[in-house]
Every structure is written in C-alpha cells, then in structure tokens.
C-alpha cells in the first residue's frame, strides 16, 4: 500500500511539473487582428499600412516569445518563428505585422481580408490561442 501511494504522488508531481510551463505560457492571447489595414496603423519599419495581430499577456509573469510560432494555417503551426526577443510584460501588448516582409516582427505571410485562421503556438507546438475569422471590413479590428 505504501508503494502505491508513493507512486501516485510521484505521478501527480511529474504531471504538475510537465504541465506547469504550459499553464504559465497559456497567458498569451490573440487580442485583436486587423486584416485590412488602409489607414489605421502605419508600420514604423516600412512606412506603410500593413495587416497585424495584437498579442496580449493577461498573466502575472513576463513572457519572452522568442521561439514561439504564429501561423495563418492551423495545419502548419511552424509557418513563422518569432526569432527575436519579444518580452511581453504582465498586461502588455505587442503587434506582429503580417505583411510578408519576413524581418523582425514581420511574418512571411499576409492576412486574408476574406477570412481565415490565425494561431499562436509555444516552442513545443502547444496551441496557446487560435482564431477563425470571417470577412473583415477595412480599418476595423
């Protein structure tokens, strides 16, 4: 009986330690999208109006998104790697430009104003947040 109790506690502790990073990372959410940007936000890197996705950290810990993935195809979660330090403080926001420029925080894909999917994945490909959106109005997020 003693062995069974120890084994159950060990399994429970192992499960907690394995799931803890997922729980901590799960505080990053897709907050807002703009899939048809004509006049709302000017991209400071390229001086044009590009589509974007806003991420939000609604947790209590800062999270570095370096190594995370975003995609517009949920069957291809590794479509674009965040390959730079992007530290979201608790309550913080960040824009990722979806403009096919492929530098810094600019993805290798654009968003479709007619509707599609968007996903955020942890470095170990756990889906943290996904969004399916329909047709979008210009300059309305």
Protein backbone atom coordinates (compact mmCIF):
# COMPACT_ATOMS: atom_id res chain seq x y z
CA UNK A 1 0.00 0.00 0.00
CA UNK A 2 2.82 2.41 0.81
CA UNK A 3 4.39 1.85 -2.63
CA UNK A 4 1.09 2.63 -4.39
CA UNK A 5 0.67 5.93 -2.52
CA UNK A 6 4.24 6.96 -3.28
CA UNK A 7 3.79 6.04 -6.94
CA UNK A 8 0.56 8.10 -7.22
CA UNK A 9 2.23 11.11 -5.62
CA UNK A 10 5.19 10.75 -7.96
CA UNK A 11 2.91 10.58 -11.00
CA UNK A 12 0.93 13.61 -9.80
CA UNK A 13 4.10 15.64 -9.20
CA UNK A 14 5.50 14.67 -12.61
CA UNK A 15 2.25 15.69 -14.31
CA UNK A 16 2.29 19.03 -12.48
CA UNK A 17 5.89 19.75 -13.49
CA UNK A 18 5.17 18.84 -17.11
CA UNK A 19 2.03 20.97 -17.30
CA UNK A 20 3.33 23.98 -15.38
CA UNK A 21 5.17 25.56 -18.36
CA UNK A 22 2.03 25.18 -20.48
CA UNK A 23 -0.09 26.87 -17.83
CA UNK A 24 2.39 29.73 -17.47
CA UNK A 25 2.70 30.20 -21.23
CA UNK A 26 -1.05 29.98 -21.79
CA UNK A 27 -1.46 33.56 -20.56
CA UNK A 28 -0.53 34.93 -24.00
CA UNK A 29 -3.63 35.52 -26.12
CA UNK A 30 -4.55 36.79 -29.55
CA UNK A 31 -6.20 40.04 -28.56
CA UNK A 32 -7.01 41.76 -31.84
CA UNK A 33 -6.48 41.43 -35.60
CA UNK A 34 -6.57 43.90 -38.45
CA UNK A 35 -6.70 42.01 -41.74
CA UNK A 36 -7.49 45.00 -43.96
CA UNK A 37 -5.43 47.98 -42.81
CA UNK A 38 -5.65 51.04 -45.07
CA UNK A 39 -5.24 53.96 -42.64
CA UNK A 40 -5.21 52.76 -39.01
CA UNK A 41 -1.62 51.89 -38.10
CA UNK A 42 1.48 52.78 -40.06
CA UNK A 43 4.22 50.18 -39.86
CA UNK A 44 7.21 52.06 -38.38
CA UNK A 45 9.72 49.81 -40.17
CA UNK A 46 8.34 50.16 -43.69
CA UNK A 47 6.14 53.27 -43.57
CA UNK A 48 3.03 51.57 -44.93
CA UNK A 49 -0.24 50.27 -43.55
CA UNK A 50 0.05 46.52 -43.15
CA UNK A 51 -2.12 43.87 -41.54
CA UNK A 52 -1.30 42.96 -37.97
CA UNK A 53 -2.15 40.80 -34.99
CA UNK A 54 -2.00 42.09 -31.43
CA UNK A 55 -0.92 39.69 -28.69
CA UNK A 56 -1.70 40.31 -25.02
CA UNK A 57 -0.16 38.91 -21.85
CA UNK A 58 -3.07 38.61 -19.43
CA UNK A 59 -0.94 36.75 -16.91
CA UNK A 60 1.15 37.82 -13.95
CA UNK A 61 4.58 36.86 -15.33
CA UNK A 62 6.65 38.37 -18.14
CA UNK A 63 6.96 36.02 -21.14
CA UNK A 64 9.65 36.07 -23.83
CA UNK A 65 8.04 34.96 -27.10
CA UNK A 66 11.37 34.19 -28.79
CA UNK A 67 10.94 30.65 -30.14
CA UNK A 68 7.14 30.78 -30.37
CA UNK A 69 5.30 30.38 -33.66
CA UNK A 70 2.41 32.11 -35.41
CA UNK A 71 0.57 30.92 -38.48
CA UNK A 72 -2.37 31.59 -40.74
CA UNK A 73 -2.69 27.85 -41.42
CA UNK A 74 -3.51 25.77 -38.34
CA UNK A 75 -2.25 22.64 -40.12
CA UNK A 76 1.16 24.34 -40.40
CA UNK A 77 1.86 25.63 -36.87
CA UNK A 78 5.55 26.39 -37.57
CA UNK A 79 4.84 28.70 -40.51
CA UNK A 80 6.60 31.68 -38.89
CA UNK A 81 9.02 31.63 -35.97
CA UNK A 82 9.35 34.60 -33.65
CA UNK A 83 13.15 34.67 -33.83
CA UNK A 84 13.82 37.78 -31.79
CA UNK A 85 13.38 38.62 -28.13
CA UNK A 86 9.82 39.84 -27.66
CA UNK A 87 9.19 40.19 -23.94
CA UNK A 88 5.58 40.77 -23.01
CA UNK A 89 5.27 42.14 -19.50
CA UNK A 90 2.15 41.30 -17.47
CA UNK A 91 -0.71 43.25 -19.02
CA UNK A 92 1.47 44.09 -22.03
CA UNK A 93 0.66 44.10 -25.73
CA UNK A 94 2.70 43.58 -28.90
CA UNK A 95 1.96 43.89 -32.61
CA UNK A 96 3.14 41.35 -35.12
CA UNK A 97 2.96 42.68 -38.66
CA UNK A 98 1.51 40.22 -41.16
CA UNK A 99 2.95 41.74 -44.32
CA UNK A 100 5.22 39.17 -45.96
CA UNK A 101 8.37 41.23 -45.20
CA UNK A 102 9.99 38.46 -43.09
CA UNK A 103 12.19 40.67 -40.90
CA UNK A 104 12.00 41.40 -37.17
CA UNK A 105 8.35 41.17 -36.16
CA UNK A 106 7.12 40.85 -39.75
CA UNK A 107 5.72 37.47 -40.75
CA UNK A 108 6.25 35.65 -44.03
CA UNK A 109 2.51 35.79 -44.71
CA UNK A 110 -0.31 38.30 -45.00
CA UNK A 111 -3.78 38.01 -43.50
CA UNK A 112 -6.75 37.49 -45.79
CA UNK A 113 -9.48 40.13 -45.52
CA UNK A 114 -11.93 37.49 -46.75
CA UNK A 115 -11.30 35.45 -43.59
CA UNK A 116 -9.00 32.67 -42.43
CA UNK A 117 -7.31 31.33 -39.30
CA UNK A 118 -4.55 32.58 -37.04
CA UNK A 119 -2.74 30.58 -34.40
CA UNK A 120 -0.15 31.15 -31.68
CA UNK A 121 1.97 28.15 -30.63
CA UNK A 122 4.54 27.58 -27.91
CA UNK A 123 8.07 26.43 -28.85
CA UNK A 124 6.97 22.82 -28.25
CA UNK A 125 3.98 23.39 -30.58
CA UNK A 126 1.28 23.55 -27.92
CA UNK A 127 -1.53 25.75 -29.30
CA UNK A 128 -1.84 28.72 -26.94
CA UNK A 129 -4.58 30.51 -28.84
CA UNK A 130 -6.26 30.13 -32.21
CA UNK A 131 -8.75 32.28 -34.02
CA UNK A 132 -11.01 31.70 -37.01
CA UNK A 133 -12.30 34.93 -38.52
CA UNK A 134 -14.67 35.70 -41.35
CA UNK A 135 -14.69 38.58 -43.84
CA UNK A 136 -13.19 41.78 -42.43
CA UNK A 137 -14.09 45.42 -43.01
CA UNK A 138 -11.27 47.79 -43.95
CA UNK A 139 -9.76 49.56 -40.93
CA UNK A 140 -11.93 47.67 -38.43
CA UNK A 141 -10.19 45.36 -35.99
